[in-house]
Protein backbone atom coordinates (compact mmCIF):
# COMPACT_ATOMS: atom_id res chain seq x y z
CA MET A 1 -3.79 30.09 -140.25
CA LEU A 2 -0.61 31.85 -141.26
CA SER A 3 -2.47 35.04 -142.14
CA PHE A 4 -4.18 35.02 -138.74
CA GLN A 5 -0.89 34.51 -136.94
CA HIS A 6 0.69 37.37 -138.84
CA LYS A 7 -2.06 39.86 -137.93
CA THR A 8 -1.95 38.82 -134.29
CA THR A 9 1.81 39.31 -134.13
CA ASN A 10 1.43 42.92 -135.35
CA THR A 11 -0.20 43.74 -132.02
CA ILE A 12 1.97 41.51 -129.85
CA VAL A 13 5.41 42.63 -131.08
CA PRO A 14 5.21 46.34 -130.11
CA ILE A 15 3.84 45.40 -126.66
CA LEU A 16 6.62 42.82 -126.24
CA MET A 17 9.19 45.45 -127.26
CA ILE A 18 7.98 47.85 -124.58
CA VAL A 19 8.04 45.13 -121.90
CA LEU A 20 11.55 44.01 -122.94
CA MET A 21 12.82 47.58 -122.97
CA ILE A 22 11.46 48.28 -119.49
CA GLN A 23 13.09 45.08 -118.24
CA TYR A 24 16.36 45.96 -119.90
CA SER A 25 16.42 49.53 -118.58
CA LYS A 26 15.80 48.19 -115.03
CA ALA A 27 18.50 45.56 -115.38
CA GLN A 28 21.04 48.04 -116.72
CA ASN A 29 20.13 50.87 -114.31
CA ASN A 30 21.42 53.84 -116.33
CA THR A 31 20.85 52.28 -119.76
CA ILE A 32 17.46 53.27 -121.17
CA ILE A 33 16.29 52.25 -124.65
CA LYS A 34 13.39 54.26 -125.98
CA PRO A 35 10.98 52.67 -128.48
CA TYR A 36 10.72 55.88 -130.50
CA GLU A 37 14.49 56.11 -130.91
CA LEU A 38 14.71 52.53 -132.18
CA SER A 39 11.87 53.11 -134.62
CA GLN A 40 13.97 55.83 -136.24
CA LYS A 41 16.98 53.56 -136.79
CA ASP A 42 17.60 52.15 -140.25
CA TYR A 43 17.57 48.44 -141.07
CA LYS A 44 21.35 48.23 -141.30
CA TYR A 45 21.72 49.53 -137.76
CA LEU A 46 19.09 47.16 -136.37
CA SER A 47 20.54 44.21 -138.26
CA GLU A 48 24.04 44.80 -136.93
CA ALA A 49 22.70 45.46 -133.42
CA THR A 50 21.21 41.95 -133.26
CA ASN A 51 24.79 40.65 -133.08
CA SER A 52 25.12 42.06 -129.56
CA LYS A 53 26.62 39.61 -127.06
CA ASP A 54 23.89 40.71 -124.63
CA SER A 55 21.10 38.24 -125.50
CA LEU A 56 18.33 40.41 -124.01
CA LEU A 57 19.54 43.50 -125.85
CA SER A 58 19.95 41.63 -129.15
CA GLY A 59 16.40 40.30 -128.71
CA ILE A 60 15.09 43.85 -128.29
CA TYR A 61 16.84 44.94 -131.49
CA ALA A 62 15.52 41.92 -133.39
CA GLN A 63 11.93 42.60 -132.27
CA SER A 64 12.40 46.31 -133.11
CA TRP A 65 13.63 45.31 -136.54
CA LEU A 66 10.54 43.15 -137.05
CA ALA A 67 8.18 45.87 -135.77
CA LYS A 68 9.71 48.46 -138.11
CA ALA A 69 9.45 46.08 -141.09
CA LYS A 70 5.81 45.35 -140.31
CA ALA A 71 4.96 49.02 -139.89
CA GLU A 72 6.53 49.74 -143.27
CA LYS A 73 5.13 46.52 -144.83
CA ASN A 74 8.65 45.60 -145.92
CA TRP A 75 8.35 41.84 -146.46
CA LYS A 76 12.03 41.31 -147.21
CA GLN A 77 13.09 42.92 -143.95
CA MET A 78 10.36 41.00 -142.10
CA ALA A 79 11.84 37.74 -143.35
CA LEU A 80 15.36 38.77 -142.36
CA ALA A 81 14.13 39.89 -138.93
CA TYR A 82 12.38 36.56 -138.33
CA ARG A 83 15.64 34.74 -139.12
CA ALA A 84 17.48 36.94 -136.60
CA ILE A 85 14.81 36.21 -133.96
CA MET A 86 15.15 32.47 -134.57
CA TYR A 87 18.80 32.56 -133.47
CA LYS A 88 17.64 33.71 -130.02
CA ALA A 89 14.30 31.90 -129.76
CA ASP A 90 13.37 29.00 -127.51
CA LYS A 91 13.46 25.70 -129.41
CA ASN A 92 9.73 25.22 -128.80
CA GLU A 93 9.06 28.45 -130.69
CA LEU A 94 11.28 27.72 -133.70
CA MET A 95 8.62 26.10 -135.89
CA LYS A 96 6.24 29.00 -135.31
CA TYR A 97 8.93 31.48 -136.38
CA ALA A 98 9.86 29.29 -139.35
CA ASP A 99 6.21 29.50 -140.50
CA SER A 100 6.21 33.28 -140.11
CA LEU A 101 9.53 33.52 -141.94
CA LEU A 102 8.13 31.53 -144.86
CA PHE A 103 4.93 33.62 -144.87
CA ALA A 104 6.95 36.85 -145.14
CA ALA A 105 9.40 35.41 -147.67
CA LYS A 106 6.59 34.36 -150.03
CA HIS A 107 5.49 38.00 -150.24
CA THR A 108 8.86 39.02 -151.65
CA THR A 109 10.05 38.40 -155.19
CA ASP A 110 13.51 37.41 -153.95
CA LYS A 111 14.10 33.77 -154.87
CA GLY A 112 17.05 33.61 -152.49
CA ILE A 113 14.96 34.69 -149.50
CA ILE A 114 12.09 32.35 -150.40
CA GLY A 115 14.49 29.45 -150.95
CA THR A 116 16.29 30.10 -147.67
CA ALA A 117 12.94 30.21 -145.85
CA TYR A 118 12.02 26.77 -147.22
CA LEU A 119 15.51 25.54 -146.23
CA THR A 120 14.96 26.79 -142.67
CA LYS A 121 11.55 25.12 -142.52
CA GLY A 122 13.09 21.88 -143.77
CA ILE A 123 15.74 21.97 -141.07
CA MET A 124 13.07 22.47 -138.41
CA HIS A 125 11.15 19.41 -139.66
CA TYR A 126 14.38 17.40 -139.83
CA LYS A 127 15.13 18.19 -136.18
CA GLN A 128 11.66 16.96 -135.25
CA LYS A 129 12.29 13.75 -137.22
CA GLU A 130 9.53 14.66 -139.68
CA HIS A 131 11.70 13.56 -142.56
CA ALA A 132 9.09 13.44 -145.32
CA LYS A 133 8.11 17.04 -144.55
CA ALA A 134 11.77 18.00 -144.32
CA LEU A 135 12.42 16.54 -147.75
CA ASP A 136 9.41 18.37 -149.24
CA ASN A 137 10.72 21.70 -147.94
CA TYR A 138 14.29 20.99 -149.02
CA LEU A 139 13.09 20.25 -152.56
CA LEU A 140 11.10 23.50 -152.66
CA ALA A 141 14.16 25.35 -151.38
CA ASP A 142 16.20 23.79 -154.16
CA GLN A 143 13.72 25.01 -156.80
CA TYR A 144 14.20 28.61 -155.71
CA LEU A 145 17.87 28.64 -154.76
CA SER A 146 18.94 26.90 -157.96
CA GLN A 147 17.85 30.09 -159.75
CA THR A 148 20.23 32.23 -157.66
CA SER A 149 24.00 32.58 -157.46
CA ASP A 150 24.11 31.77 -153.75
CA HIS A 151 26.21 28.64 -154.06
CA TYR A 152 26.63 28.26 -150.31
CA ALA A 153 22.84 28.02 -149.79
CA ILE A 154 22.42 25.80 -152.88
CA TYR A 155 24.86 23.20 -151.57
CA LYS A 156 23.55 23.50 -148.03
CA VAL A 157 20.19 22.38 -149.45
CA LYS A 158 21.81 19.57 -151.44
CA TYR A 159 23.53 18.34 -148.28
CA GLY A 160 20.22 18.48 -146.38
CA ILE A 161 18.41 16.57 -149.11
CA ALA A 162 21.20 13.97 -149.24
CA ASN A 163 21.09 13.43 -145.47
CA THR A 164 17.33 13.07 -145.50
CA LYS A 165 17.44 10.59 -148.39
CA TYR A 166 20.09 8.62 -146.49
CA TYR A 167 17.78 8.53 -143.48
CA LEU A 168 14.83 7.41 -145.63
CA GLY A 169 16.89 4.65 -147.24
CA PHE A 170 17.27 6.18 -150.72
CA TYR A 171 20.99 5.56 -150.70
CA GLU A 172 21.70 5.78 -154.45
CA GLU A 173 20.01 9.18 -154.66
CA ALA A 174 21.88 10.35 -151.56
CA ILE A 175 25.19 9.26 -153.12
CA SER A 176 24.54 11.32 -156.25
CA LEU A 177 23.94 14.45 -154.15
CA PHE A 178 26.88 13.83 -151.84
CA LYS A 179 29.14 13.60 -154.90
CA GLU A 180 28.02 17.10 -155.91
CA CYS A 181 28.68 18.35 -152.38
CA ILE A 182 32.15 16.79 -152.40
CA SER A 183 32.97 18.48 -155.68
CA TYR A 184 31.86 21.89 -154.42
CA TYR A 185 33.18 21.79 -150.87
CA GLU A 186 36.63 20.54 -151.83
CA GLU A 187 37.74 24.11 -152.49
CA GLU A 188 35.21 25.94 -150.33
CA ASN A 189 34.93 24.35 -146.90
CA ASP A 190 37.28 21.76 -145.43
CA LEU A 191 34.89 20.48 -142.75
CA ALA A 192 31.89 20.23 -145.09
CA TYR A 193 34.12 18.43 -147.61
CA LEU A 194 35.22 15.91 -144.99
CA THR A 195 31.70 15.32 -143.64
CA SER A 196 30.48 14.76 -147.21
CA LEU A 197 33.24 12.18 -147.76
CA HIS A 198 32.23 10.48 -144.51
CA ALA A 199 28.53 10.47 -145.44
CA ILE A 200 29.05 9.01 -148.90
CA GLY A 201 31.15 6.23 -147.36
CA LEU A 202 28.24 5.36 -145.05
CA CYS A 203 25.90 5.26 -148.05
CA TYR A 204 28.15 2.84 -149.94
CA THR A 205 28.27 0.57 -146.90
CA LYS A 206 24.46 0.51 -146.85
CA ILE A 207 24.30 -0.68 -150.47
CA LYS A 208 27.10 -3.19 -149.86
CA LYS A 209 29.67 -1.49 -152.08
CA TYR A 210 32.34 -1.90 -149.44
CA ASP A 211 35.29 -1.21 -151.73
CA LEU A 212 33.92 2.25 -152.55
CA SER A 213 33.19 2.88 -148.88
CA SER A 214 36.80 2.02 -148.06
CA TYR A 215 38.00 4.30 -150.86
CA TYR A 216 36.20 7.32 -149.38
CA ASN A 217 37.24 6.44 -145.83
CA LYS A 218 40.87 6.29 -146.92
CA LEU A 219 40.55 9.56 -148.85
CA GLY A 220 38.88 11.17 -145.84
CA LEU A 221 41.73 10.10 -143.56
CA GLU A 222 44.33 11.48 -145.96
CA LYS A 223 42.51 14.79 -146.33
CA SER A 224 41.88 15.08 -142.57
CA LYS A 225 45.62 14.82 -141.98
CA GLU A 226 46.37 17.22 -144.83
CA TYR A 227 43.91 19.78 -143.45
CA GLN A 228 45.07 19.06 -139.89
CA ASN A 229 41.48 18.30 -138.93
CA LEU A 230 42.04 15.74 -136.20
CA GLU A 231 38.36 15.68 -135.19
CA MET A 232 37.28 13.78 -138.30
CA ILE A 233 39.97 11.08 -138.16
CA PRO A 234 38.19 8.84 -135.61
CA TYR A 235 34.97 9.05 -137.64
CA PHE A 236 36.63 7.76 -140.81
CA ASN A 237 38.27 4.97 -138.78
CA HIS A 238 34.87 4.26 -137.20
CA SER A 239 33.23 4.00 -140.62
CA GLU A 240 35.99 1.76 -141.92
CA GLY A 241 35.72 -0.47 -138.84
CA ILE A 242 32.04 -1.11 -139.65
CA ASN A 243 32.98 -1.67 -143.27
CA GLN A 244 35.54 -4.29 -142.19
CA TYR A 245 32.85 -6.10 -140.20
CA PHE A 246 30.67 -6.46 -143.29
CA THR A 247 33.62 -7.76 -145.31
CA LYS A 248 34.10 -10.38 -142.54
CA ASN A 249 37.46 -9.03 -141.44
CA TYR A 250 36.30 -9.31 -137.85
CA GLN A 251 39.62 -8.89 -136.04
CA THR A 252 40.42 -5.79 -138.12
CA ALA A 253 36.96 -4.42 -137.38
CA ILE A 254 37.41 -4.98 -133.63
CA SER A 255 40.85 -3.35 -133.60
CA SER A 256 39.73 -0.35 -135.67
CA LEU A 257 36.58 0.32 -133.68
CA GLN A 258 38.25 -0.10 -130.30
CA LYS A 259 40.81 2.55 -131.25
CA THR A 260 38.10 5.06 -132.19
CA VAL A 261 36.00 4.72 -129.03
CA PRO A 262 38.20 6.80 -126.64
CA GLU A 263 38.27 9.77 -129.05
CA ILE A 264 34.54 9.57 -129.76
CA HIS A 265 33.84 9.21 -126.03
CA LYS A 266 35.78 12.43 -125.35
CA LYS A 267 33.40 14.24 -127.70
CA LYS A 268 30.44 12.84 -125.75
CA ASP A 269 29.16 11.36 -129.01
CA PHE A 270 27.25 8.49 -127.40
CA ALA A 271 25.49 7.64 -130.68
CA ASN A 272 28.62 6.67 -132.62
CA GLU A 273 30.14 5.16 -129.49
CA THR A 274 27.06 2.91 -129.20
CA VAL A 275 27.33 1.86 -132.85
CA ALA A 276 30.99 0.97 -132.28
CA TRP A 277 30.06 -1.23 -129.29
CA PHE A 278 27.45 -3.03 -131.36
CA TYR A 279 29.76 -3.89 -134.26
CA ILE A 280 32.57 -4.94 -131.91
CA GLY A 281 30.04 -7.27 -130.25
CA LYS A 282 28.81 -8.53 -133.63
CA SER A 283 32.40 -9.24 -134.70
CA TYR A 284 33.00 -11.35 -131.59
CA TRP A 285 29.64 -13.05 -132.08
CA ASP A 286 30.47 -14.06 -135.65
CA LEU A 287 33.85 -15.29 -134.45
CA LYS A 288 31.85 -17.66 -132.19
CA LYS A 289 33.04 -15.80 -129.09
CA GLN A 290 29.61 -15.08 -127.64
CA LYS A 291 30.82 -14.51 -124.09
CA LYS A 292 33.08 -11.70 -125.33
CA ALA A 293 30.24 -10.25 -127.40
CA ILE A 294 27.64 -10.00 -124.62
CA PRO A 295 29.31 -7.18 -122.60
CA TYR A 296 29.30 -5.00 -125.73
CA PHE A 297 25.61 -5.75 -126.39
CA ILE A 298 24.87 -4.75 -122.81
CA LYS A 299 26.67 -1.43 -123.44
CA VAL A 300 24.34 -0.86 -126.41
CA ASP A 301 21.35 -1.47 -124.15
CA LYS A 302 22.75 0.98 -121.60
CA ALA A 303 22.89 3.64 -124.31
CA TYR A 304 19.17 3.08 -124.85
CA THR A 305 18.28 3.26 -121.17
CA ASP A 306 20.52 6.30 -120.57
CA HIS A 307 19.88 8.26 -123.76
CA GLN A 308 16.93 6.54 -125.50
CA TYR A 309 19.29 6.06 -128.44
CA THR A 310 18.70 3.36 -131.03
CA ARG A 311 18.49 2.93 -134.80
CA PRO A 312 17.26 0.15 -137.11
CA ASP A 313 20.50 -1.86 -137.38
CA LEU A 314 20.87 -1.88 -133.57
CA ARG A 315 17.58 -3.76 -133.19
CA GLU A 316 19.45 -7.04 -133.73
CA ASN A 317 21.33 -6.32 -130.50
CA TYR A 318 18.25 -7.39 -128.53
CA GLU A 319 17.50 -10.42 -130.67
CA LEU A 320 21.00 -11.71 -129.95
CA LEU A 321 20.64 -11.02 -126.22
CA ILE A 322 17.30 -12.86 -126.14
CA ASP A 323 18.78 -15.85 -127.98
CA TYR A 324 21.82 -15.94 -125.69
CA TYR A 325 19.87 -15.85 -122.42
CA THR A 326 17.30 -18.35 -123.77
CA LYS A 327 20.11 -20.84 -124.36
CA GLN A 328 21.61 -19.97 -120.97
CA GLN A 329 18.20 -20.72 -119.39
CA LYS A 330 18.02 -17.34 -117.68
CA PRO A 331 14.34 -16.39 -118.07
CA GLU A 332 14.62 -13.20 -116.01
CA LEU A 333 17.18 -11.74 -118.42
CA GLN A 334 15.34 -13.21 -121.39
CA LEU A 335 12.17 -11.40 -120.30
CA LYS A 336 14.12 -8.20 -119.61
CA TYR A 337 15.37 -7.98 -123.18
CA ILE A 338 12.04 -9.02 -124.70
CA ASN A 339 10.46 -6.07 -122.93
CA ARG A 340 13.30 -3.83 -124.00
CA LEU A 341 12.92 -4.93 -127.62
CA LEU A 342 9.22 -4.07 -127.51
CA GLU A 343 10.18 -0.59 -126.28
CA VAL A 344 12.86 -0.26 -128.94
CA ASP A 345 10.36 -1.27 -131.64
CA SER A 346 8.03 1.46 -130.42
CA THR A 347 10.83 4.01 -130.72
CA LEU A 348 11.86 2.74 -134.16
CA ASN A 349 8.27 2.85 -135.45
CA HIS A 350 8.05 6.46 -134.31
CA ASN A 351 11.44 7.75 -135.42
CA TYR A 352 12.31 5.40 -138.27
CA LYS A 353 8.96 4.39 -139.69
CA TYR A 354 10.27 4.65 -143.27
CA LEU A 355 13.03 2.13 -142.61
CA SER A 356 11.44 -0.13 -139.99
CA ASN A 357 9.74 -2.31 -142.62
CA LYS A 358 13.07 -2.86 -144.38
CA VAL A 359 14.74 -4.31 -141.29
CA HIS A 360 14.83 -8.09 -141.06
CA LYS A 361 13.19 -9.13 -137.80
CA GLU A 362 13.90 -12.50 -136.26
CA TYR A 363 11.29 -11.65 -133.63
CA ASP A 364 8.24 -9.69 -134.78
CA THR A 365 5.85 -8.06 -132.32
CA LYS A 366 3.44 -10.98 -132.24
CA LYS A 367 6.19 -13.50 -131.56
CA LEU A 368 7.70 -11.28 -128.89
CA LEU A 369 4.37 -10.90 -127.10
CA VAL A 370 3.82 -14.67 -127.09
CA ALA A 371 7.30 -15.27 -125.64
CA LYS A 372 6.79 -12.51 -123.10
CA GLU A 373 3.52 -14.01 -121.86
CA ALA A 374 5.01 -17.49 -121.58
CA ILE A 375 7.97 -16.30 -119.51
CA GLU A 376 5.79 -14.14 -117.27
CA GLN A 377 3.63 -17.18 -116.55
CA SER A 378 6.70 -19.13 -115.44
CA LEU A 379 8.03 -16.34 -113.23
CA ILE A 380 5.49 -15.84 -110.46
CA SER A 381 7.77 -13.61 -108.43
CA TYR A 382 8.73 -11.47 -111.43
CA ARG A 383 7.40 -7.96 -111.20
CA LYS A 384 5.90 -6.58 -114.35
CA ILE A 385 8.01 -3.95 -115.89
CA GLY A 386 6.22 -0.63 -116.33
CA GLY A 387 6.40 1.37 -119.53
CA ILE A 388 8.89 4.18 -119.85
CA THR A 389 8.59 7.52 -121.62
CA ILE A 390 10.53 7.60 -124.89
CA ALA A 391 12.54 10.78 -125.38
CA ILE A 392 13.27 12.03 -128.88
CA LEU A 393 16.94 11.70 -129.69
CA VAL A 394 18.81 14.58 -131.24
CA ILE A 395 20.81 12.60 -133.82
CA ALA A 396 24.45 13.21 -134.70
CA ILE A 397 23.77 14.96 -137.99
CA ALA A 398 21.79 17.68 -136.16
CA LEU A 399 24.77 18.20 -133.83
CA LEU A 400 27.02 18.51 -136.88
CA TYR A 401 24.67 21.05 -138.43
CA ARG A 402 24.59 23.17 -135.26
CA HIS A 403 28.38 23.08 -135.20
CA HIS A 404 28.43 24.23 -138.82
CA LEU A 405 25.91 27.01 -138.05
CA ASN A 406 28.01 28.25 -135.13
CA LYS A 407 31.06 28.24 -137.36
CA GLN A 408 29.27 30.41 -139.92
CA LYS A 409 28.21 32.80 -137.17
CA ARG A 410 31.79 33.05 -135.87
CA MET A 411 33.06 33.75 -139.38
CA LYS A 412 30.47 36.53 -139.77
CA GLN A 413 31.57 38.08 -136.48
CA LYS A 414 35.22 37.90 -137.55
CA PHE A 415 34.33 39.57 -140.83
CA ASP A 416 32.40 42.34 -139.06
CA GLU A 417 35.40 43.00 -136.82
CA PHE A 418 37.69 43.07 -139.83
CA ILE A 419 35.52 45.39 -141.94
CA LYS A 420 35.40 48.00 -139.17
CA GLU A 421 39.14 48.36 -139.27
CA GLN A 422 40.93 50.86 -141.49
CA THR A 423 41.49 50.06 -145.17
CA ILE A 424 44.23 47.49 -145.48
CA LYS A 425 47.54 49.01 -146.44
CA PHE A 426 50.83 47.31 -146.82
CA GLN A 427 52.95 47.68 -143.71
CA PRO A 428 56.27 45.96 -143.20
CA PRO A 429 56.15 43.46 -140.36
CA PRO A 430 57.36 44.77 -136.97
CA GLN A 431 61.06 45.10 -136.32
CA PHE A 432 62.68 42.82 -133.77
CA PRO A 433 65.94 43.33 -131.86
CA GLN A 434 69.07 41.87 -133.40
CA GLU A 435 69.53 39.08 -130.91
CA ASN A 436 70.13 36.37 -133.47
CA CYS A 437 72.34 38.27 -135.93
CA ASP A 438 75.26 39.01 -133.63
CA ASP A 439 77.47 36.77 -135.69
CA LEU A 440 76.73 38.74 -138.89
CA ASN A 441 78.41 41.93 -140.04
CA PRO A 442 76.07 44.84 -139.08
CA GLN A 443 76.71 46.46 -142.45
CA LEU A 444 75.67 43.23 -144.18
CA VAL A 445 72.49 43.04 -142.09
CA GLU A 446 71.66 46.65 -142.99
CA THR A 447 72.12 45.91 -146.69
CA ILE A 448 69.91 42.80 -146.51
CA LEU A 449 67.19 44.75 -144.66
CA LYS A 450 67.28 47.49 -147.28
CA ASN A 451 66.85 44.89 -150.02
CA LEU A 452 64.08 43.25 -147.97
CA GLU A 453 62.13 46.52 -147.77
CA GLU A 454 62.45 46.90 -151.54
CA PHE A 455 61.27 43.29 -151.94
CA GLU A 456 58.15 44.06 -149.83
CA THR A 457 57.39 47.49 -151.33
CA ASN A 458 57.59 46.22 -154.91
CA HIS A 459 55.47 43.13 -154.12
CA LYS A 460 58.13 40.77 -155.43
CA TYR A 461 56.80 38.13 -153.07
CA ILE A 462 53.86 37.43 -155.43
CA GLU A 463 56.16 35.60 -157.82
CA LYS A 464 54.96 32.01 -158.20
CA ASP A 465 56.74 29.33 -156.16
CA MET A 466 58.58 31.94 -154.10
CA SER A 467 61.03 30.05 -151.90
CA LEU A 468 63.93 30.77 -149.57
CA SER A 469 66.34 30.32 -152.47
CA LYS A 470 64.49 32.84 -154.66
CA LEU A 471 64.11 35.23 -151.75
CA ALA A 472 67.82 35.04 -150.97
CA ALA A 473 68.56 35.88 -154.61
CA HIS A 474 66.34 38.96 -154.38
CA LEU A 475 68.13 40.01 -151.20
CA LYS A 476 71.50 39.40 -152.87
CA THR A 477 72.69 37.10 -150.14
CA ASN A 478 72.74 33.40 -149.32
CA LYS A 479 69.90 31.30 -147.88
CA ARG A 480 71.39 31.12 -144.38
CA TYR A 481 71.74 34.89 -144.00
CA ALA A 482 68.31 35.54 -145.55
CA TYR A 483 66.64 33.07 -143.19
CA LYS A 484 68.40 34.51 -140.15
CA VAL A 485 67.59 38.15 -140.93
CA ILE A 486 63.90 37.41 -141.67
CA LEU A 487 63.48 35.34 -138.51
CA THR A 488 65.14 38.07 -136.41
CA HIS A 489 63.63 41.18 -137.97
CA ARG A 490 60.24 39.88 -139.15
CA GLY A 491 59.67 37.33 -136.40
CA LYS A 492 58.61 34.57 -138.81
CA LYS A 493 59.98 31.61 -140.65
CA THR A 494 60.39 32.12 -144.38
CA ILE A 495 57.27 30.27 -145.64
CA GLU A 496 55.01 31.88 -143.03
CA TYR A 497 56.49 35.30 -143.85
CA ILE A 498 55.93 34.97 -147.60
CA THR A 499 52.42 33.48 -147.14
CA ASP A 500 51.33 36.36 -144.89
CA LEU A 501 52.59 38.89 -147.41
CA LYS A 502 50.62 37.19 -150.18
CA ILE A 503 47.37 37.02 -148.16
CA ASN A 504 47.71 40.69 -147.09
CA TYR A 505 48.24 41.56 -150.73
CA ILE A 506 45.01 39.79 -151.75
CA LEU A 507 43.08 41.39 -148.86
CA ASN A 508 44.22 44.81 -150.00
CA LEU A 509 43.12 44.13 -153.59
CA LEU A 510 39.71 42.87 -152.48
CA LYS A 511 39.16 45.84 -150.17
CA THR A 512 40.27 48.54 -152.62
CA GLN A 513 39.46 47.23 -156.12
CA ASN A 514 36.00 45.92 -156.97
CA LYS A 515 37.05 43.83 -159.96
CA TYR A 516 38.96 41.36 -157.79
CA ARG A 517 35.75 40.49 -155.90
CA ASN A 518 34.54 38.73 -159.06
CA TYR A 519 37.69 36.59 -159.31
CA THR A 520 37.54 32.88 -158.60
CA ASN A 521 39.66 31.39 -155.84
CA LYS A 522 41.92 30.00 -158.53
CA ALA A 523 42.41 33.45 -160.10
CA LEU A 524 43.08 35.09 -156.73
CA GLY A 525 45.60 32.41 -155.83
CA GLU A 526 47.40 32.94 -159.14
CA GLU A 527 47.33 36.71 -158.61
CA ALA A 528 49.31 36.28 -155.37
CA GLY A 529 51.56 33.57 -156.78
CA PHE A 530 50.25 30.61 -154.78
CA GLY A 531 51.17 27.17 -156.11
CA SER A 532 47.57 25.90 -156.14
CA THR A 533 44.02 26.94 -155.34
CA GLN A 534 43.92 24.65 -152.33
CA ILE A 535 47.10 26.11 -150.84
CA PHE A 536 45.65 29.61 -151.26
CA THR A 537 42.26 28.80 -149.71
CA LYS A 538 43.89 27.02 -146.74
CA ALA A 539 46.27 29.92 -146.14
CA PHE A 540 43.43 32.45 -146.38
CA ASN A 541 41.23 30.45 -144.02
CA LYS A 542 44.08 30.06 -141.51
CA LYS A 543 44.75 33.82 -141.41
CA MET A 544 41.17 35.13 -141.61
CA GLY A 545 39.18 32.30 -140.03
CA MET A 546 36.92 32.09 -143.11
CA SER A 547 37.08 31.05 -146.76
CA PRO A 548 37.82 33.59 -149.52
CA THR A 549 34.33 32.97 -150.94
CA PHE A 550 32.66 33.81 -147.62
CA PHE A 551 34.86 36.90 -147.19
CA ILE A 552 34.08 38.23 -150.68
CA ARG A 553 30.36 37.59 -150.32
CA GLU A 554 30.22 39.46 -147.01
CA LEU A 555 32.42 42.24 -148.40
CA LYS A 556 29.99 42.72 -151.30
CA LYS A 557 27.06 42.80 -148.87
CA SER A 558 28.76 45.37 -146.67
CA GLN A 559 29.43 47.61 -149.69
CA GLN A 560 25.82 47.34 -150.88
CA GLU A 561 24.52 48.39 -147.48
CA PHE A 562 26.41 51.69 -147.54
């Protein structure tokens, strides 16, 4: 089938290119793109052109890239072109392109390309909730990528495998993989590090190791504050609130979860908001406050009717509602939630078939149907509820992945903008008017500035643990005068000023001297005199919008393409 699809596409792509080009030339009036001219462009040009903000134009370049690769039977470029096309493709076409990508990748000898193709295919299956197939493709991706030096892709696969194993209920195996991700991402990617901490905490809750779950939730909160990542804080509090429910600290669970809901609601994360409502309701229920619990259970049901969202542990929500309204002798509501539970079971059997058998069911399907029939018999005036169409939910982990993918794309764009600029050279920061030094002797200010220029030119700022005191000593003045002159004439506070000098120094080394591109983050940080690897990577990421590892990898690629 794949071979047939590939041959068919050879004919379709050139025709599609011509149609797209005609459309584009009409839309742009004076802008005309000629097929022949594009066919003469090299792969580097076509690859970079796919980054155009004009989606139609970038699509033309991507299809031109693919057509050129096919004409030249260049399988590697075909695979890369298919990946570029997938960024622009309709979601209904993604699996078809993933198949074509894998077909092309298998014809190369590049283990990285083949592994990445299997990773892409796995992600497509994961999005369609075909988790067994996703896991199969992730494992194949791991076989190939583990033989490369592409650590980013290797750990992306590990994270995907871990998530899938969590979904399938293999929590111990997921924990082992998440630990590896935590170890790697701690110095490479703040957000991925935090999400890995969050995920491992969820796994420990599932296997009832609540103390370890609390440990990772607490660590995640500390690191979120340290990294100034406020977005993850409510998620660690959310996880800990659930953990507190299972340790029977019901009031703590209620308080914790109620605090997280407003922040999660702002993000329109209805899935985690729904889970919070359920465990708040469960906490009240176990405190024997059923009347307080019921409104929260009704909110969970609303999430299902509005978004078709449910998961195995939320099934109990309907069992509790049925029990409550049975005791309240309200058959209409009893019947309503019996019907809803039958619908929910249908959804769970479709989306969570690997876990549905592990869920304890107070009411199985047979028992539910018997109860349903009995109530319907007693309610002559009750209108039978029709079936509803079940929509496939895009779960939170897919949203997180898309966010991560967009972040990578933004970092690549930032790098491309940076690399087009002139070679980095040291330039003293801009001069500012002497509005804050009026109380200082002008001759003294001039002397300090002269010493400051010598400090910058001779790279004395790369001394380890450079501080205001050390800087003042270099400038042969006191801390107050040094601070005032730097703030006035460099426009920055002392720490920011020194940090920027250090990062610019590293950027210059990476751009001009190849050997530094093989340095570890630790070695680069030491080269610039940073106190620790983490301080260096955070400073680099803040200034450049990407990690040092990502920057170096892209810098190497850009050099190889010339």
